[in-house]
């Protein structure tokens, strides 16, 4: 999958003029790549368009345009993409109640090691986890995961953490979007 390049990023003034149209398009792109697993887990599979948008938004929000800042944001967000033939995603652990969130993020410390994509032949590909987001006693509520699926389009996503066994079949729209990402 092609990564964000410097030439993909425009200055903040140009971005501001294009932002509404770009935002509308990217929300559509994201909706086809958003997969809910149970009550609290939302996976957003990333691609060139979603990451370009994130880079532009960060530069806009922080009011930064210096070349080193632009290059830093590009490098940071490009880390989210999987390797060739793989998929990268952001996992949002969505728990509204702060007290419950604290309890579950401590209880689910091993969650990332129990996440998988299921391939058409039934094989499970485990998530490659960014260890920087796992503390000694608590998990971050945002996780960046990569799945080395060898160019194969997953059919399901799941979790086999004891007490949180879940699986969701991908719908045809989600499969098509991930197939496009794997082919790019």
Protein backbone atom coordinates (compact mmCIF):
# COMPACT_ATOMS: atom_id res chain seq x y z
CA UNK A 1 0.00 0.00 0.00
CA UNK A 2 1.36 3.38 -0.96
CA UNK A 3 2.33 5.57 1.96
CA UNK A 4 1.79 9.29 2.40
CA UNK A 5 4.50 11.25 0.63
CA UNK A 6 5.51 14.86 1.10
CA UNK A 7 3.91 15.75 -2.25
CA UNK A 8 0.52 14.55 -0.91
CA UNK A 9 0.46 17.26 1.76
CA UNK A 10 -0.60 20.82 1.01
CA UNK A 11 -0.03 23.95 3.07
CA UNK A 12 -2.60 24.79 5.75
CA UNK A 13 -4.18 27.61 3.76
CA UNK A 14 -4.80 25.38 0.73
CA UNK A 15 -6.02 22.59 2.99
CA UNK A 16 -8.52 24.90 4.67
CA UNK A 17 -10.08 25.65 1.28
CA UNK A 18 -10.27 21.93 0.39
CA UNK A 19 -11.11 20.64 3.86
CA UNK A 20 -14.91 20.32 3.66
CA UNK A 21 -14.85 18.28 0.45
CA UNK A 22 -11.91 16.16 1.61
CA UNK A 23 -13.52 15.51 4.98
CA UNK A 24 -16.75 14.34 3.36
CA UNK A 25 -14.88 11.98 1.05
CA UNK A 26 -12.67 10.59 3.81
CA UNK A 27 -15.63 9.95 6.12
CA UNK A 28 -17.05 7.73 3.37
CA UNK A 29 -13.70 5.96 3.02
CA UNK A 30 -13.54 5.43 6.79
CA UNK A 31 -17.11 4.14 7.05
CA UNK A 32 -16.29 1.25 4.69
CA UNK A 33 -13.23 0.37 6.76
CA UNK A 34 -14.80 0.67 10.25
CA UNK A 35 -15.59 -2.64 11.91
CA UNK A 36 -17.28 -2.97 15.29
CA UNK A 37 -16.48 -5.98 17.42
CA UNK A 38 -18.78 -6.31 20.40
CA UNK A 39 -19.77 -3.36 22.51
CA UNK A 40 -16.40 -1.68 23.03
CA UNK A 41 -14.01 -2.45 20.17
CA UNK A 42 -13.94 -0.46 16.93
CA UNK A 43 -11.32 -1.17 14.28
CA UNK A 44 -10.61 1.48 11.64
CA UNK A 45 -8.46 0.10 8.84
CA UNK A 46 -6.18 2.79 7.47
CA UNK A 47 -5.11 3.60 3.93
CA UNK A 48 -3.45 6.43 2.04
CA UNK A 49 -6.56 8.62 2.11
CA UNK A 50 -7.31 8.22 5.82
CA UNK A 51 -3.70 8.89 6.78
CA UNK A 52 -3.30 11.87 4.48
CA UNK A 53 -6.38 13.35 6.12
CA UNK A 54 -4.96 12.69 9.61
CA UNK A 55 -1.65 14.36 8.74
CA UNK A 56 -3.43 17.41 7.31
CA UNK A 57 -5.73 17.64 10.35
CA UNK A 58 -2.83 17.44 12.81
CA UNK A 59 -0.93 20.17 10.98
CA UNK A 60 -4.09 22.30 10.84
CA UNK A 61 -5.04 21.84 14.50
CA UNK A 62 -1.51 22.50 15.72
CA UNK A 63 -0.99 25.37 13.26
CA UNK A 64 2.28 23.89 12.06
CA UNK A 65 3.78 24.19 8.58
CA UNK A 66 7.52 23.93 9.14
CA UNK A 67 9.05 21.28 6.91
CA UNK A 68 10.40 19.20 9.81
CA UNK A 69 6.92 19.17 11.39
CA UNK A 70 5.30 18.03 8.15
CA UNK A 71 7.88 15.26 7.69
CA UNK A 72 7.49 14.18 11.33
CA UNK A 73 3.69 13.85 10.97
CA UNK A 74 4.06 11.91 7.71
CA UNK A 75 6.52 9.49 9.30
CA UNK A 76 4.36 9.07 12.40
CA UNK A 77 1.17 8.28 10.50
CA UNK A 78 2.87 6.08 7.90
CA UNK A 79 3.84 3.77 10.78
CA UNK A 80 0.16 2.81 10.99
CA UNK A 81 0.12 1.08 7.62
CA UNK A 82 0.86 -2.59 7.34
CA UNK A 83 3.71 -3.98 5.31
CA UNK A 84 3.11 -4.92 1.65
CA UNK A 85 0.32 -7.50 1.58
CA UNK A 86 -0.78 -6.48 5.07
CA UNK A 87 -3.29 -4.19 6.73
CA UNK A 88 -2.88 -1.58 9.44
CA UNK A 89 -5.63 -0.30 11.69
CA UNK A 90 -6.42 1.86 14.64
CA UNK A 91 -8.31 0.10 17.42
CA UNK A 92 -10.49 2.33 19.54
CA UNK A 93 -11.51 0.84 22.87
CA UNK A 94 -14.67 2.83 23.51
CA UNK A 95 -15.86 2.81 27.11
CA UNK A 96 -17.79 5.92 28.13
CA UNK A 97 -17.74 5.55 31.92
CA UNK A 98 -14.25 6.56 33.18
CA UNK A 99 -14.37 4.19 36.17
CA UNK A 100 -15.41 1.23 34.02
CA UNK A 101 -12.81 2.22 31.39
CA UNK A 102 -10.03 2.13 33.99
CA UNK A 103 -11.11 -1.28 35.27
CA UNK A 104 -11.42 -2.83 31.80
CA UNK A 105 -8.18 -1.35 30.43
CA UNK A 106 -6.39 -2.97 33.36
CA UNK A 107 -8.27 -6.27 32.97
CA UNK A 108 -7.69 -6.33 29.21
CA UNK A 109 -3.94 -5.70 29.35
CA UNK A 110 -3.36 -8.79 27.17
CA UNK A 111 -6.10 -7.85 24.66
CA UNK A 112 -3.85 -6.93 21.70
CA UNK A 113 -2.22 -10.38 21.70
CA UNK A 114 -5.68 -11.95 21.37
CA UNK A 115 -6.88 -10.04 18.30
CA UNK A 116 -6.94 -11.68 14.89
CA UNK A 117 -8.15 -11.52 11.32
CA UNK A 118 -9.62 -14.71 9.93
CA UNK A 119 -8.74 -15.55 6.33
CA UNK A 120 -10.92 -17.44 3.83
CA UNK A 121 -9.19 -20.76 4.62
CA UNK A 122 -9.91 -20.34 8.35
CA UNK A 123 -6.34 -19.37 9.23
CA UNK A 124 -6.01 -16.67 11.86
CA UNK A 125 -3.50 -13.85 11.54
CA UNK A 126 -2.60 -12.29 14.90
CA UNK A 127 -2.14 -8.56 15.34
CA UNK A 128 1.34 -7.14 15.40
CA UNK A 129 1.13 -4.75 18.33
CA UNK A 130 2.90 -1.46 18.99
CA UNK A 131 4.34 -2.16 22.44
CA UNK A 132 4.62 1.55 23.19
CA UNK A 133 0.88 1.59 23.86
CA UNK A 134 0.85 -1.05 26.55
CA UNK A 135 1.85 -0.02 30.04
CA UNK A 136 2.91 -2.21 32.93
CA UNK A 137 -0.60 -2.38 34.34
CA UNK A 138 -2.92 -0.65 31.88
CA UNK A 139 -3.69 -0.68 28.17
CA UNK A 140 -4.07 2.52 26.14
CA UNK A 141 -7.61 3.01 24.79
CA UNK A 142 -6.15 3.60 21.31
CA UNK A 143 -4.06 0.83 19.79
CA UNK A 144 -2.23 0.70 16.46
CA UNK A 145 -2.22 -2.79 14.98
CA UNK A 146 -0.83 -4.43 11.87
CA UNK A 147 -1.92 -7.71 10.33
CA UNK A 148 0.41 -9.58 7.95
CA UNK A 149 -2.28 -11.30 5.90
CA UNK A 150 -0.10 -12.05 2.86
CA UNK A 151 -2.34 -10.12 0.49
CA UNK A 152 -5.36 -12.26 1.37
CA UNK A 153 -8.63 -10.49 2.15
CA UNK A 154 -9.94 -11.31 5.63
CA UNK A 155 -13.46 -12.60 6.11
CA UNK A 156 -13.78 -11.94 9.86
CA UNK A 157 -12.17 -10.17 12.77
CA UNK A 158 -12.10 -11.54 16.27
CA UNK A 159 -10.85 -11.65 19.80
CA UNK A 160 -10.12 -14.76 21.86
CA UNK A 161 -9.18 -13.10 25.15
CA UNK A 162 -10.72 -15.28 27.88
CA UNK A 163 -13.96 -13.62 28.94
CA UNK A 164 -14.08 -11.48 25.79
CA UNK A 165 -14.49 -14.03 23.01
CA UNK A 166 -15.97 -12.22 20.01
CA UNK A 167 -16.00 -12.56 16.25
CA UNK A 168 -17.57 -10.41 13.52
CA UNK A 169 -17.95 -11.43 9.91
CA UNK A 170 -16.90 -8.73 7.46
CA UNK A 171 -19.67 -7.61 5.14
CA UNK A 172 -19.17 -7.40 1.35
CA UNK A 173 -18.51 -3.63 1.46
CA UNK A 174 -15.80 -4.06 4.12
CA UNK A 175 -14.18 -6.95 2.23
CA UNK A 176 -14.14 -4.93 -0.99
CA UNK A 177 -12.56 -1.91 0.75
CA UNK A 178 -9.83 -4.05 2.34
CA UNK A 179 -9.25 -5.86 -0.98
CA UNK A 180 -8.70 -2.47 -2.64
CA UNK A 181 -6.22 -1.50 0.08
CA UNK A 182 -4.32 -4.76 -0.29
CA UNK A 183 -4.16 -4.31 -4.06
CA UNK A 184 -2.89 -0.72 -3.92
